[in-house]
Amino acid sequence: MHIPRQYYCTYFLQCVYVIHVISRLGHFLKNLKSQLPQTRILAISALNTLLKESPYKLSHGEKSAVLEDLQGHVKSSLEGTLTPTFQEEGFFNETLTSLSHVHIITDSETASRGGQGDSSFQSLADKSITRFYFEFSASWPRTPSWISFLGSDTFYSNFARIFKRLVQECGMPVVLALKGAVDEFTIAKERSKQCVAAEALAGVLHSDIDGLSGTWESWLMPQLKNIILAQSVESVSEWASCIRYAVTGKGKYGTRVPLLRQKILDSLMTPLPPTVATTITAKRYTFLAAALIEISPQKMPVAEVQLHNTLLKEVLGNMCHSSAQVSVPSNLMFNQSCI
């Protein structure tokens, strides 16, 4: 590549800057484990800014679309810088524990669990800064949340995006390293830990990398079924947001279908055992509703249209269910499916 002499200095400074940024990424990744709220926020902000969509580990179809979006400008991989950090023993377990402290759980929720929860790690000022940062910097969801029974949640899309970008940058080694921590936090009693598990899983599901489909049968699908059948209802809104994030359209206009969207929808459509509690049935409808929010009726492929028709028939049969926990979400699902 020929560089005019007058630009040598500028080019050299740009190269120095890029090398400096790459060298700092591992530092910011380690700082996700920090016990200092301000340090964690800085690390989160830096990683969300510096980790961009990388085409190196994407599936073939997704890679072509991303390269087209990037118009041929492909950055170098950061895999060599990040891999030693996340492969440290217990790294993701410590990271998820630290990030769970960031989630703001209200005093009433904490009291209902007998004082459990990690919100006490943050002072009132820290909580205010945290809430402002995530509300100000949120770039997701693409569509408004108008379904009332989803309720409020503390799902931070910034966290999900960090995990997604890590997976896209470094591939399956991140997924394998993250699996144990996600499994542990998914069944944790503390809502804050389930929140961060939902964010990590959402990032993995939306990463669309080579090899991800191979983990569907062995890990992702069973994990999703366990989440649906879990008796705990405190973190339903966070898991609904996880599913909503996972099926969100990709690209500038959100028109590209994620790699695992159809598998996720098919899993949600799988009939529940006849003996499950009505709360589980209501949870499944909540998850389906969350997924359908992000799907544009005008751009649905044939498989999603057929899924819509099947779902309509199902909810019609449950609109007069004897339990309000089932009939209310069934009516809301019917209204949403007809839009």
C-alpha atoms as a PDB file:
ATOM      1  CA  MET A   1       0.000   0.000   0.000  1.00  0.00           C
ATOM      2  CA  HIS A   2       1.491   3.311  -1.090  1.00  0.00           C
ATOM      3  CA  ILE A   3       1.169   6.165   1.423  1.00  0.00           C
ATOM      4  CA  PRO A   4       2.020   9.725   0.383  1.00  0.00           C
ATOM      5  CA  ARG A   5       4.984  11.098   2.341  1.00  0.00           C
ATOM      6  CA  GLN A   6       2.940  13.919   3.870  1.00  0.00           C
ATOM      7  CA  TYR A   7       0.634  11.375   5.538  1.00  0.00           C
ATOM      8  CA  TYR A   8       3.377   9.252   7.148  1.00  0.00           C
ATOM      9  CA  CYS A   9       3.043  10.976  10.515  1.00  0.00           C
ATOM     10  CA  THR A  10      -0.756  10.680  10.583  1.00  0.00           C
ATOM     11  CA  TYR A  11      -0.620   7.018   9.552  1.00  0.00           C
ATOM     12  CA  PHE A  12       2.019   6.262  12.192  1.00  0.00           C
ATOM     13  CA  LEU A  13      -0.052   7.928  14.948  1.00  0.00           C
ATOM     14  CA  GLN A  14      -3.150   5.985  13.852  1.00  0.00           C
ATOM     15  CA  CYS A  15      -1.210   2.724  14.038  1.00  0.00           C
ATOM     16  CA  VAL A  16       0.071   3.586  17.519  1.00  0.00           C
ATOM     17  CA  TYR A  17      -3.472   4.423  18.629  1.00  0.00           C
ATOM     18  CA  VAL A  18      -4.874   1.134  17.281  1.00  0.00           C
ATOM     19  CA  ILE A  19      -2.131  -0.874  19.018  1.00  0.00           C
ATOM     20  CA  HIS A  20      -2.829   0.989  22.266  1.00  0.00           C
ATOM     21  CA  VAL A  21      -6.577   0.311  22.032  1.00  0.00           C
ATOM     22  CA  ILE A  22      -6.036  -3.383  21.339  1.00  0.00           C
ATOM     23  CA  SER A  23      -3.665  -3.664  24.299  1.00  0.00           C
ATOM     24  CA  ARG A  24      -6.279  -2.061  26.595  1.00  0.00           C
ATOM     25  CA  LEU A  25      -9.153  -4.355  25.613  1.00  0.00           C
ATOM     26  CA  GLY A  26      -7.892  -7.181  27.802  1.00  0.00           C
ATOM     27  CA  HIS A  27      -7.598  -4.683  30.663  1.00  0.00           C
ATOM     28  CA  PHE A  28     -11.198  -3.526  30.239  1.00  0.00           C
ATOM     29  CA  LEU A  29     -12.381  -7.136  30.023  1.00  0.00           C
ATOM     30  CA  LYS A  30     -10.704  -7.909  33.342  1.00  0.00           C
ATOM     31  CA  ASN A  31     -12.263  -4.794  34.881  1.00  0.00           C
ATOM     32  CA  LEU A  32     -15.729  -6.296  34.427  1.00  0.00           C
ATOM     33  CA  LYS A  33     -14.846  -8.235  37.601  1.00  0.00           C
ATOM     34  CA  SER A  34     -14.063  -5.079  39.564  1.00  0.00           C
ATOM     35  CA  GLN A  35     -15.860  -4.503  42.865  1.00  0.00           C
ATOM     36  CA  LEU A  36     -15.872  -0.742  42.185  1.00  0.00           C
ATOM     37  CA  PRO A  37     -19.117   0.323  40.426  1.00  0.00           C
ATOM     38  CA  GLN A  38     -17.467   3.220  38.580  1.00  0.00           C
ATOM     39  CA  THR A  39     -14.713   0.943  37.240  1.00  0.00           C
ATOM     40  CA  ARG A  40     -17.279  -1.584  36.021  1.00  0.00           C
ATOM     41  CA  ILE A  41     -19.310   1.108  34.266  1.00  0.00           C
ATOM     42  CA  LEU A  42     -16.156   2.419  32.554  1.00  0.00           C
ATOM     43  CA  ALA A  43     -15.230  -1.099  31.412  1.00  0.00           C
ATOM     44  CA  ILE A  44     -18.763  -1.742  30.123  1.00  0.00           C
ATOM     45  CA  SER A  45     -18.792   1.538  28.222  1.00  0.00           C
ATOM     46  CA  ALA A  46     -15.326   0.938  26.752  1.00  0.00           C
ATOM     47  CA  LEU A  47     -16.084  -2.621  25.614  1.00  0.00           C
ATOM     48  CA  ASN A  48     -19.380  -1.578  24.033  1.00  0.00           C
ATOM     49  CA  THR A  49     -17.516   1.129  22.139  1.00  0.00           C
ATOM     50  CA  LEU A  50     -14.410  -0.820  21.137  1.00  0.00           C
ATOM     51  CA  LEU A  51     -15.876  -4.258  20.395  1.00  0.00           C
ATOM     52  CA  LYS A  52     -17.452  -3.974  16.961  1.00  0.00           C
ATOM     53  CA  GLU A  53     -19.157  -6.578  14.821  1.00  0.00           C
ATOM     54  CA  SER A  54     -16.448  -8.861  13.469  1.00  0.00           C
ATOM     55  CA  PRO A  55     -17.059 -11.127  10.458  1.00  0.00           C
ATOM     56  CA  TYR A  56     -14.276 -13.558  11.312  1.00  0.00           C
ATOM     57  CA  LYS A  57     -16.284 -16.111  13.289  1.00  0.00           C
ATOM     58  CA  LEU A  58     -19.735 -15.612  11.769  1.00  0.00           C
ATOM     59  CA  SER A  59     -21.704 -18.288   9.930  1.00  0.00           C
ATOM     60  CA  HIS A  60     -21.341 -18.198   6.146  1.00  0.00           C
ATOM     61  CA  GLY A  61     -24.651 -16.472   5.378  1.00  0.00           C
ATOM     62  CA  GLU A  62     -24.275 -13.920   8.156  1.00  0.00           C
ATOM     63  CA  LYS A  63     -20.661 -13.231   7.176  1.00  0.00           C
ATOM     64  CA  SER A  64     -21.672 -12.258   3.640  1.00  0.00           C
ATOM     65  CA  ALA A  65     -24.325  -9.871   4.925  1.00  0.00           C
ATOM     66  CA  VAL A  66     -21.973  -8.247   7.427  1.00  0.00           C
ATOM     67  CA  LEU A  67     -19.217  -7.808   4.857  1.00  0.00           C
ATOM     68  CA  GLU A  68     -21.754  -6.106   2.615  1.00  0.00           C
ATOM     69  CA  ASP A  69     -22.800  -3.803   5.462  1.00  0.00           C
ATOM     70  CA  LEU A  70     -19.174  -3.007   6.276  1.00  0.00           C
ATOM     71  CA  GLN A  71     -18.524  -2.317   2.563  1.00  0.00           C
ATOM     72  CA  GLY A  72     -15.317  -4.314   2.631  1.00  0.00           C
ATOM     73  CA  HIS A  73     -13.735  -2.565   5.636  1.00  0.00           C
ATOM     74  CA  VAL A  74     -12.753  -5.494   7.846  1.00  0.00           C
ATOM     75  CA  LYS A  75     -10.839  -4.893  11.042  1.00  0.00           C
ATOM     76  CA  SER A  76      -8.166  -7.244  12.353  1.00  0.00           C
ATOM     77  CA  SER A  77      -9.218  -9.881  14.845  1.00  0.00           C
ATOM     78  CA  LEU A  78      -8.665  -9.235  18.565  1.00  0.00           C
ATOM     79  CA  GLU A  79      -8.844 -12.909  19.392  1.00  0.00           C
ATOM     80  CA  GLY A  80      -5.204 -13.177  20.442  1.00  0.00           C
ATOM     81  CA  THR A  81      -5.583 -10.306  22.916  1.00  0.00           C
ATOM     82  CA  LEU A  82      -8.860 -11.426  24.507  1.00  0.00           C
ATOM     83  CA  THR A  83      -8.503 -15.226  24.629  1.00  0.00           C
ATOM     84  CA  PRO A  84      -5.935 -15.452  27.472  1.00  0.00           C
ATOM     85  CA  THR A  85      -8.188 -13.288  29.643  1.00  0.00           C
ATOM     86  CA  PHE A  86     -11.467 -15.171  29.324  1.00  0.00           C
ATOM     87  CA  GLN A  87      -9.727 -18.558  29.530  1.00  0.00           C
ATOM     88  CA  GLU A  88      -8.450 -17.801  33.022  1.00  0.00           C
ATOM     89  CA  GLU A  89      -9.941 -20.259  35.505  1.00  0.00           C
ATOM     90  CA  GLY A  90     -13.212 -18.954  36.929  1.00  0.00           C
ATOM     91  CA  PHE A  91     -13.117 -15.761  34.841  1.00  0.00           C
ATOM     92  CA  PHE A  92     -16.735 -15.816  33.662  1.00  0.00           C
ATOM     93  CA  ASN A  93     -18.042 -16.961  37.034  1.00  0.00           C
ATOM     94  CA  GLU A  94     -16.352 -14.000  38.727  1.00  0.00           C
ATOM     95  CA  THR A  95     -17.416 -11.657  35.917  1.00  0.00           C
ATOM     96  CA  LEU A  96     -21.084 -12.646  36.093  1.00  0.00           C
ATOM     97  CA  THR A  97     -21.002 -12.328  39.873  1.00  0.00           C
ATOM     98  CA  SER A  98     -19.576  -8.824  39.590  1.00  0.00           C
ATOM     99  CA  LEU A  99     -22.040  -7.793  36.875  1.00  0.00           C
ATOM    100  CA  SER A 100     -24.939  -9.111  38.939  1.00  0.00           C
ATOM    101  CA  HIS A 101     -24.127  -6.407  41.511  1.00  0.00           C
ATOM    102  CA  VAL A 102     -24.922  -3.787  38.872  1.00  0.00           C
ATOM    103  CA  HIS A 103     -28.543  -4.905  38.541  1.00  0.00           C
ATOM    104  CA  ILE A 104     -30.833  -2.702  40.563  1.00  0.00           C
ATOM    105  CA  ILE A 105     -33.363  -4.785  42.471  1.00  0.00           C
ATOM    106  CA  THR A 106     -35.954  -2.776  44.381  1.00  0.00           C
ATOM    107  CA  ASP A 107     -36.112  -2.921  48.155  1.00  0.00           C
ATOM    108  CA  SER A 108     -39.500  -4.652  48.061  1.00  0.00           C
ATOM    109  CA  GLU A 109     -38.127  -7.411  45.852  1.00  0.00           C
ATOM    110  CA  THR A 110     -35.104  -7.817  48.080  1.00  0.00           C
ATOM    111  CA  ALA A 111     -37.279  -7.993  51.194  1.00  0.00           C
ATOM    112  CA  SER A 112     -39.548 -10.613  49.601  1.00  0.00           C
ATOM    113  CA  ARG A 113     -36.478 -12.864  49.272  1.00  0.00           C
ATOM    114  CA  GLY A 114     -35.589 -12.510  52.909  1.00  0.00           C
ATOM    115  CA  GLY A 115     -32.804 -10.021  52.344  1.00  0.00           C
ATOM    116  CA  GLN A 116     -31.094 -11.901  49.507  1.00  0.00           C
ATOM    117  CA  GLY A 117     -29.815  -9.959  46.529  1.00  0.00           C
ATOM    118  CA  ASP A 118     -26.800  -7.912  45.576  1.00  0.00           C
ATOM    119  CA  SER A 119     -28.221  -4.407  45.225  1.00  0.00           C
ATOM    120  CA  SER A 120     -26.758  -3.541  48.635  1.00  0.00           C
ATOM    121  CA  PHE A 121     -23.305  -3.479  47.026  1.00  0.00           C
ATOM    122  CA  GLN A 122     -24.210  -0.143  45.462  1.00  0.00           C
ATOM    123  CA  SER A 123     -24.819   3.120  47.276  1.00  0.00           C
ATOM    124  CA  LEU A 124     -27.782   5.305  46.347  1.00  0.00           C
ATOM    125  CA  ALA A 125     -25.514   7.517  44.225  1.00  0.00           C
ATOM    126  CA  ASP A 126     -24.025   4.480  42.456  1.00  0.00           C
ATOM    127  CA  LYS A 127     -27.513   3.177  41.700  1.00  0.00           C
ATOM    128  CA  SER A 128     -28.533   6.524  40.223  1.00  0.00           C
ATOM    129  CA  ILE A 129     -25.442   6.626  38.002  1.00  0.00           C
ATOM    130  CA  THR A 130     -26.023   3.024  36.903  1.00  0.00           C
ATOM    131  CA  ARG A 131     -29.679   3.590  36.041  1.00  0.00           C
ATOM    132  CA  PHE A 132     -28.916   6.795  34.127  1.00  0.00           C
ATOM    133  CA  TYR A 133     -26.089   5.182  32.151  1.00  0.00           C
ATOM    134  CA  PHE A 134     -28.092   2.201  30.956  1.00  0.00           C
ATOM    135  CA  GLU A 135     -31.189   4.223  30.130  1.00  0.00           C
ATOM    136  CA  PHE A 136     -29.119   6.807  28.237  1.00  0.00           C
ATOM    137  CA  SER A 137     -26.942   4.365  26.283  1.00  0.00           C
ATOM    138  CA  ALA A 138     -29.562   1.735  25.423  1.00  0.00           C
ATOM    139  CA  SER A 139     -29.850   1.057  21.683  1.00  0.00           C
ATOM    140  CA  TRP A 140     -32.283  -1.842  22.090  1.00  0.00           C
ATOM    141  CA  PRO A 141     -35.102  -2.810  21.816  1.00  0.00           C
ATOM    142  CA  ARG A 142     -35.916  -1.632  18.312  1.00  0.00           C
ATOM    143  CA  THR A 143     -39.657  -1.663  18.981  1.00  0.00           C
ATOM    144  CA  PRO A 144     -41.627  -0.186  21.906  1.00  0.00           C
ATOM    145  CA  SER A 145     -42.613  -2.381  24.840  1.00  0.00           C
ATOM    146  CA  TRP A 146     -46.369  -2.130  24.978  1.00  0.00           C
ATOM    147  CA  ILE A 147     -47.430  -5.517  26.351  1.00  0.00           C
ATOM    148  CA  SER A 148     -48.356  -4.847  29.949  1.00  0.00           C
ATOM    149  CA  PHE A 149     -47.878  -8.330  31.344  1.00  0.00           C
ATOM    150  CA  LEU A 150     -44.166  -8.265  30.514  1.00  0.00           C
ATOM    151  CA  GLY A 151     -43.723  -5.892  33.441  1.00  0.00           C
ATOM    152  CA  SER A 152     -40.550  -4.011  34.306  1.00  0.00           C
ATOM    153  CA  ASP A 153     -37.173  -5.684  34.078  1.00  0.00           C
ATOM    154  CA  THR A 154     -33.489  -5.021  34.648  1.00  0.00           C
ATOM    155  CA  PHE A 155     -32.225  -6.621  31.437  1.00  0.00           C
ATOM    156  CA  TYR A 156     -29.271  -4.562  30.204  1.00  0.00           C
ATOM    157  CA  SER A 157     -28.766  -4.916  26.459  1.00  0.00           C
ATOM    158  CA  ASN A 158     -25.281  -3.398  26.872  1.00  0.00           C
ATOM    159  CA  PHE A 159     -24.224  -6.565  28.704  1.00  0.00           C
ATOM    160  CA  ALA A 160     -25.814  -8.819  26.087  1.00  0.00           C
ATOM    161  CA  ARG A 161     -23.966  -6.931  23.350  1.00  0.00           C
ATOM    162  CA  ILE A 162     -20.607  -7.369  25.103  1.00  0.00           C
ATOM    163  CA  PHE A 163     -21.097 -11.127  25.310  1.00  0.00           C
ATOM    164  CA  LYS A 164     -22.287 -11.238  21.684  1.00  0.00           C
ATOM    165  CA  ARG A 165     -19.263  -9.298  20.434  1.00  0.00           C
ATOM    166  CA  LEU A 166     -16.884 -11.489  22.464  1.00  0.00           C
ATOM    167  CA  VAL A 167     -18.391 -14.599  20.897  1.00  0.00           C
ATOM    168  CA  GLN A 168     -18.239 -13.067  17.415  1.00  0.00           C
ATOM    169  CA  GLU A 169     -14.619 -12.038  17.927  1.00  0.00           C
ATOM    170  CA  CYS A 170     -13.277 -15.240  19.476  1.00  0.00           C
ATOM    171  CA  GLY A 171     -15.769 -17.897  18.390  1.00  0.00           C
ATOM    172  CA  MET A 172     -16.764 -21.104  20.155  1.00  0.00           C
ATOM    173  CA  PRO A 173     -14.039 -20.963  22.852  1.00  0.00           C
ATOM    174  CA  VAL A 174     -16.025 -18.117  24.464  1.00  0.00           C
ATOM    175  CA  VAL A 175     -19.247 -20.157  24.344  1.00  0.00           C
ATOM    176  CA  LEU A 176     -17.552 -23.172  25.916  1.00  0.00           C
ATOM    177  CA  ALA A 177     -15.907 -21.034  28.614  1.00  0.00           C
ATOM    178  CA  LEU A 178     -19.193 -19.239  29.375  1.00  0.00           C
ATOM    179  CA  LYS A 179     -21.436 -22.314  29.509  1.00  0.00           C
ATOM    180  CA  GLY A 180     -20.683 -23.421  33.080  1.00  0.00           C
ATOM    181  CA  ALA A 181     -21.241 -19.966  34.569  1.00  0.00           C
ATOM    182  CA  VAL A 182     -24.506 -19.462  32.652  1.00  0.00           C
ATOM    183  CA  ASP A 183     -25.778 -22.888  33.776  1.00  0.00           C
ATOM    184  CA  GLU A 184     -25.016 -22.036  37.411  1.00  0.00           C
ATOM    185  CA  PHE A 185     -26.513 -18.551  37.340  1.00  0.00           C
ATOM    186  CA  THR A 186     -29.648 -19.655  35.478  1.00  0.00           C
ATOM    187  CA  ILE A 187     -30.785 -21.690  38.480  1.00  0.00           C
ATOM    188  CA  ALA A 188     -29.552 -19.220  41.112  1.00  0.00           C
ATOM    189  CA  LYS A 189     -32.035 -18.050  43.750  1.00  0.00           C
ATOM    190  CA  GLU A 190     -30.964 -14.412  43.436  1.00  0.00           C
ATOM    191  CA  ARG A 191     -32.841 -12.539  40.737  1.00  0.00           C
ATOM    192  CA  SER A 192     -29.782 -10.373  39.991  1.00  0.00           C
ATOM    193  CA  LYS A 193     -27.790 -13.475  39.026  1.00  0.00           C
ATOM    194  CA  GLN A 194     -30.564 -14.708  36.766  1.00  0.00           C
ATOM    195  CA  CYS A 195     -30.620 -11.251  35.159  1.00  0.00           C
ATOM    196  CA  VAL A 196     -26.976 -11.435  34.111  1.00  0.00           C
ATOM    197  CA  ALA A 197     -27.387 -15.068  32.997  1.00  0.00           C
ATOM    198  CA  ALA A 198     -30.235 -13.934  30.731  1.00  0.00           C
ATOM    199  CA  GLU A 199     -28.010 -11.232  29.231  1.00  0.00           C
ATOM    200  CA  ALA A 200     -25.106 -13.599  28.611  1.00  0.00           C
ATOM    201  CA  LEU A 201     -27.364 -16.225  27.030  1.00  0.00           C
ATOM    202  CA  ALA A 202     -29.040 -13.570  24.861  1.00  0.00           C
ATOM    203  CA  GLY A 203     -25.631 -12.497  23.552  1.00  0.00           C
ATOM    204  CA  VAL A 204     -24.710 -16.074  22.687  1.00  0.00           C
ATOM    205  CA  LEU A 205     -28.037 -16.764  20.955  1.00  0.00           C
ATOM    206  CA  HIS A 206     -27.758 -13.613  18.822  1.00  0.00           C
ATOM    207  CA  SER A 207     -24.087 -14.060  17.845  1.00  0.00           C
ATOM    208  CA  ASP A 208     -24.708 -16.199  14.723  1.00  0.00           C
ATOM    209  CA  ILE A 209     -21.222 -17.695  14.653  1.00  0.00           C
ATOM    210  CA  ASP A 210     -19.982 -20.862  12.985  1.00  0.00           C
ATOM    211  CA  GLY A 211     -20.560 -23.822  15.285  1.00  0.00           C
ATOM    212  CA  LEU A 212     -23.412 -22.251  17.243  1.00  0.00           C
ATOM    213  CA  SER A 213     -26.049 -24.444  15.605  1.00  0.00           C
ATOM    214  CA  GLY A 214     -24.078 -27.456  16.801  1.00  0.00           C
ATOM    215  CA  THR A 215     -24.667 -26.449  20.429  1.00  0.00           C
ATOM    216  CA  TRP A 216     -28.422 -26.072  19.972  1.00  0.00           C
ATOM    217  CA  GLU A 217     -29.356 -29.703  20.655  1.00  0.00           C
ATOM    218  CA  SER A 218     -26.749 -30.266  23.360  1.00  0.00           C
ATOM    219  CA  TRP A 219     -27.059 -27.047  25.347  1.00  0.00           C
ATOM    220  CA  LEU A 220     -29.132 -24.118  24.101  1.00  0.00           C
ATOM    221  CA  MET A 221     -32.438 -25.927  23.499  1.00  0.00           C
ATOM    222  CA  PRO A 222     -32.367 -27.872  26.817  1.00  0.00           C
ATOM    223  CA  GLN A 223     -31.421 -24.653  28.610  1.00  0.00           C
ATOM    224  CA  LEU A 224     -34.362 -22.811  27.063  1.00  0.00           C
ATOM    225  CA  LYS A 225     -36.753 -25.604  28.049  1.00  0.00           C
ATOM    226  CA  ASN A 226     -35.441 -25.559  31.615  1.00  0.00           C
ATOM    227  CA  ILE A 227     -36.038 -21.802  31.777  1.00  0.00           C
ATOM    228  CA  ILE A 228     -39.639 -22.255  30.601  1.00  0.00           C
ATOM    229  CA  LEU A 229     -40.345 -25.065  33.082  1.00  0.00           C
ATOM    230  CA  ALA A 230     -38.621 -23.424  36.066  1.00  0.00           C
ATOM    231  CA  GLN A 231     -40.988 -22.745  38.956  1.00  0.00           C
ATOM    232  CA  SER A 232     -39.471 -19.332  39.759  1.00  0.00           C
ATOM    233  CA  VAL A 233     -41.466 -16.412  38.335  1.00  0.00           C
ATOM    234  CA  GLU A 234     -39.459 -13.473  39.757  1.00  0.00           C
ATOM    235  CA  SER A 235     -37.194 -13.177  36.711  1.00  0.00           C
ATOM    236  CA  VAL A 236     -39.743 -13.937  33.972  1.00  0.00           C
ATOM    237  CA  SER A 237     -39.445 -10.428  32.514  1.00  0.00           C
ATOM    238  CA  GLU A 238     -35.646 -10.724  32.196  1.00  0.00           C
ATOM    239  CA  TRP A 239     -35.871 -14.095  30.457  1.00  0.00           C
ATOM    240  CA  ALA A 240     -38.573 -12.685  28.178  1.00  0.00           C
ATOM    241  CA  SER A 241     -36.181  -9.875  27.268  1.00  0.00           C
ATOM    242  CA  CYS A 242     -33.466 -12.465  26.637  1.00  0.00           C
ATOM    243  CA  ILE A 243     -35.691 -14.234  24.106  1.00  0.00           C
ATOM    244  CA  ARG A 244     -36.774 -10.937  22.588  1.00  0.00           C
ATOM    245  CA  TYR A 245     -33.127  -9.929  22.135  1.00  0.00           C
ATOM    246  CA  ALA A 246     -32.233 -13.314  20.656  1.00  0.00           C
ATOM    247  CA  VAL A 247     -34.857 -13.103  17.877  1.00  0.00           C
ATOM    248  CA  THR A 248     -34.365  -9.394  17.077  1.00  0.00           C
ATOM    249  CA  GLY A 249     -33.668  -8.755  13.398  1.00  0.00           C
ATOM    250  CA  LYS A 250     -30.081  -7.990  12.461  1.00  0.00           C
ATOM    251  CA  GLY A 251     -28.506  -5.325  10.284  1.00  0.00           C
ATOM    252  CA  LYS A 252     -29.073  -1.597  10.096  1.00  0.00           C
ATOM    253  CA  TYR A 253     -32.825  -1.949   9.586  1.00  0.00           C
ATOM    254  CA  GLY A 254     -33.323  -5.168  11.525  1.00  0.00           C
ATOM    255  CA  THR A 255     -34.415  -7.115   8.458  1.00  0.00           C
ATOM    256  CA  ARG A 256     -31.970 -10.035   8.579  1.00  0.00           C
ATOM    257  CA  VAL A 257     -33.274 -13.108  10.358  1.00  0.00           C
ATOM    258  CA  PRO A 258     -30.939 -14.351  13.148  1.00  0.00           C
ATOM    259  CA  LEU A 259     -29.473 -17.817  12.696  1.00  0.00           C
ATOM    260  CA  LEU A 260     -31.370 -19.405  15.609  1.00  0.00           C
ATOM    261  CA  ARG A 261     -34.651 -17.470  15.429  1.00  0.00           C
ATOM    262  CA  GLN A 262     -36.696 -20.303  13.927  1.00  0.00           C
ATOM    263  CA  LYS A 263     -35.230 -22.859  16.332  1.00  0.00           C
ATOM    264  CA  ILE A 264     -36.092 -20.600  19.289  1.00  0.00           C
ATOM    265  CA  LEU A 265     -39.651 -20.087  18.049  1.00  0.00           C
ATOM    266  CA  ASP A 266     -40.112 -23.804  17.390  1.00  0.00           C
ATOM    267  CA  SER A 267     -38.876 -24.562  20.916  1.00  0.00           C
ATOM    268  CA  LEU A 268     -41.354 -22.087  22.411  1.00  0.00           C
ATOM    269  CA  MET A 269     -44.154 -23.621  20.345  1.00  0.00           C
ATOM    270  CA  THR A 270     -43.464 -27.126  21.689  1.00  0.00           C
ATOM    271  CA  PRO A 271     -46.543 -28.168  23.727  1.00  0.00           C
ATOM    272  CA  LEU A 272     -46.056 -28.263  27.484  1.00  0.00           C
ATOM    273  CA  PRO A 273     -46.708 -31.404  29.532  1.00  0.00           C
ATOM    274  CA  PRO A 274     -50.408 -31.545  30.474  1.00  0.00           C
ATOM    275  CA  THR A 275     -49.620 -31.559  34.202  1.00  0.00           C
ATOM    276  CA  VAL A 276     -47.701 -28.249  34.348  1.00  0.00           C
ATOM    277  CA  ALA A 277     -48.950 -25.431  36.552  1.00  0.00           C
ATOM    278  CA  THR A 278     -50.872 -22.557  34.987  1.00  0.00           C
ATOM    279  CA  THR A 279     -47.987 -20.230  35.891  1.00  0.00           C
ATOM    280  CA  ILE A 280     -45.747 -22.185  33.498  1.00  0.00           C
ATOM    281  CA  THR A 281     -48.335 -21.896  30.719  1.00  0.00           C
ATOM    282  CA  ALA A 282     -48.576 -18.156  31.333  1.00  0.00           C
ATOM    283  CA  LYS A 283     -44.775 -17.881  31.291  1.00  0.00           C
ATOM    284  CA  ARG A 284     -44.619 -19.622  27.907  1.00  0.00           C
ATOM    285  CA  TYR A 285     -47.139 -17.151  26.462  1.00  0.00           C
ATOM    286  CA  THR A 286     -45.092 -14.305  27.913  1.00  0.00           C
ATOM    287  CA  PHE A 287     -41.998 -15.595  26.127  1.00  0.00           C
ATOM    288  CA  LEU A 288     -43.881 -16.040  22.852  1.00  0.00           C
ATOM    289  CA  ALA A 289     -45.297 -12.536  23.113  1.00  0.00           C
ATOM    290  CA  ALA A 290     -41.834 -11.114  23.723  1.00  0.00           C
ATOM    291  CA  ALA A 291     -40.499 -12.897  20.637  1.00  0.00           C
ATOM    292  CA  LEU A 292     -43.351 -11.785  18.378  1.00  0.00           C
ATOM    293  CA  ILE A 293     -42.813  -8.111  19.272  1.00  0.00           C
ATOM    294  CA  GLU A 294     -39.558  -8.131  17.293  1.00  0.00           C
ATOM    295  CA  ILE A 295     -40.914  -9.935  14.216  1.00  0.00           C
ATOM    296  CA  SER A 296     -42.255  -7.795  11.392  1.00  0.00           C
ATOM    297  CA  PRO A 297     -45.406  -9.341   9.835  1.00  0.00           C
ATOM    298  CA  GLN A 298     -44.496  -7.877   6.436  1.00  0.00           C
ATOM    299  CA  LYS A 299     -41.170  -9.729   6.335  1.00  0.00           C
ATOM    300  CA  MET A 300     -42.059 -13.076   7.922  1.00  0.00           C
ATOM    301  CA  PRO A 301     -40.821 -16.155   6.038  1.00  0.00           C
ATOM    302  CA  VAL A 302     -43.263 -18.983   5.339  1.00  0.00           C
ATOM    303  CA  ALA A 303     -42.225 -20.933   8.459  1.00  0.00           C
ATOM    304  CA  GLU A 304     -43.055 -17.963  10.712  1.00  0.00           C
ATOM    305  CA  VAL A 305     -46.414 -17.435   9.008  1.00  0.00           C
ATOM    306  CA  GLN A 306     -47.272 -21.087   9.668  1.00  0.00           C
ATOM    307  CA  LEU A 307     -46.158 -20.688  13.278  1.00  0.00           C
ATOM    308  CA  HIS A 308     -48.472 -17.671  13.602  1.00  0.00           C
ATOM    309  CA  ASN A 309     -51.430 -19.686  12.326  1.00  0.00           C
ATOM    310  CA  THR A 310     -50.708 -22.553  14.710  1.00  0.00           C
ATOM    311  CA  LEU A 311     -50.385 -20.150  17.635  1.00  0.00           C
ATOM    312  CA  LEU A 312     -53.678 -18.441  16.775  1.00  0.00           C
ATOM    313  CA  LYS A 313     -55.518 -21.759  16.912  1.00  0.00           C
ATOM    314  CA  GLU A 314     -53.931 -22.555  20.276  1.00  0.00           C
ATOM    315  CA  VAL A 315     -54.718 -19.251  21.979  1.00  0.00           C
ATOM    316  CA  LEU A 316     -58.298 -19.324  20.670  1.00  0.00           C
ATOM    317  CA  GLY A 317     -58.765 -22.502  22.642  1.00  0.00           C
ATOM    318  CA  ASN A 318     -57.374 -20.933  25.819  1.00  0.00           C
ATOM    319  CA  MET A 319     -59.108 -17.547  25.754  1.00  0.00           C
ATOM    320  CA  CYS A 320     -61.874 -18.907  27.979  1.00  0.00           C
ATOM    321  CA  HIS A 321     -59.553 -20.878  30.256  1.00  0.00           C
ATOM    322  CA  SER A 322     -60.764 -21.168  33.842  1.00  0.00           C
ATOM    323  CA  SER A 323     -57.518 -19.646  35.148  1.00  0.00           C
ATOM    324  CA  ALA A 324     -56.965 -15.931  34.616  1.00  0.00           C
ATOM    325  CA  GLN A 325     -53.219 -16.626  34.543  1.00  0.00           C
ATOM    326  CA  VAL A 326     -53.817 -18.398  31.220  1.00  0.00           C
ATOM    327  CA  SER A 327     -56.850 -16.601  29.765  1.00  0.00           C
ATOM    328  CA  VAL A 328     -55.424 -13.062  30.129  1.00  0.00           C
ATOM    329  CA  PRO A 329     -52.145 -13.709  28.283  1.00  0.00           C
ATOM    330  CA  SER A 330     -54.079 -15.804  25.748  1.00  0.00           C
ATOM    331  CA  ASN A 331     -56.295 -12.829  24.909  1.00  0.00           C
ATOM    332  CA  LEU A 332     -53.286 -10.536  24.680  1.00  0.00           C
ATOM    333  CA  MET A 333     -51.482 -13.065  22.496  1.00  0.00           C
ATOM    334  CA  PHE A 334     -54.526 -13.234  20.207  1.00  0.00           C
ATOM    335  CA  ASN A 335     -54.629  -9.442  19.860  1.00  0.00           C
ATOM    336  CA  GLN A 336     -50.901  -9.293  19.120  1.00  0.00           C
ATOM    337  CA  SER A 337     -50.997 -12.133  16.584  1.00  0.00           C
ATOM    338  CA  CYS A 338     -53.761 -10.384  14.651  1.00  0.00           C
ATOM    339  CA  ILE A 339     -51.786  -7.139  14.210  1.00  0.00           C
END
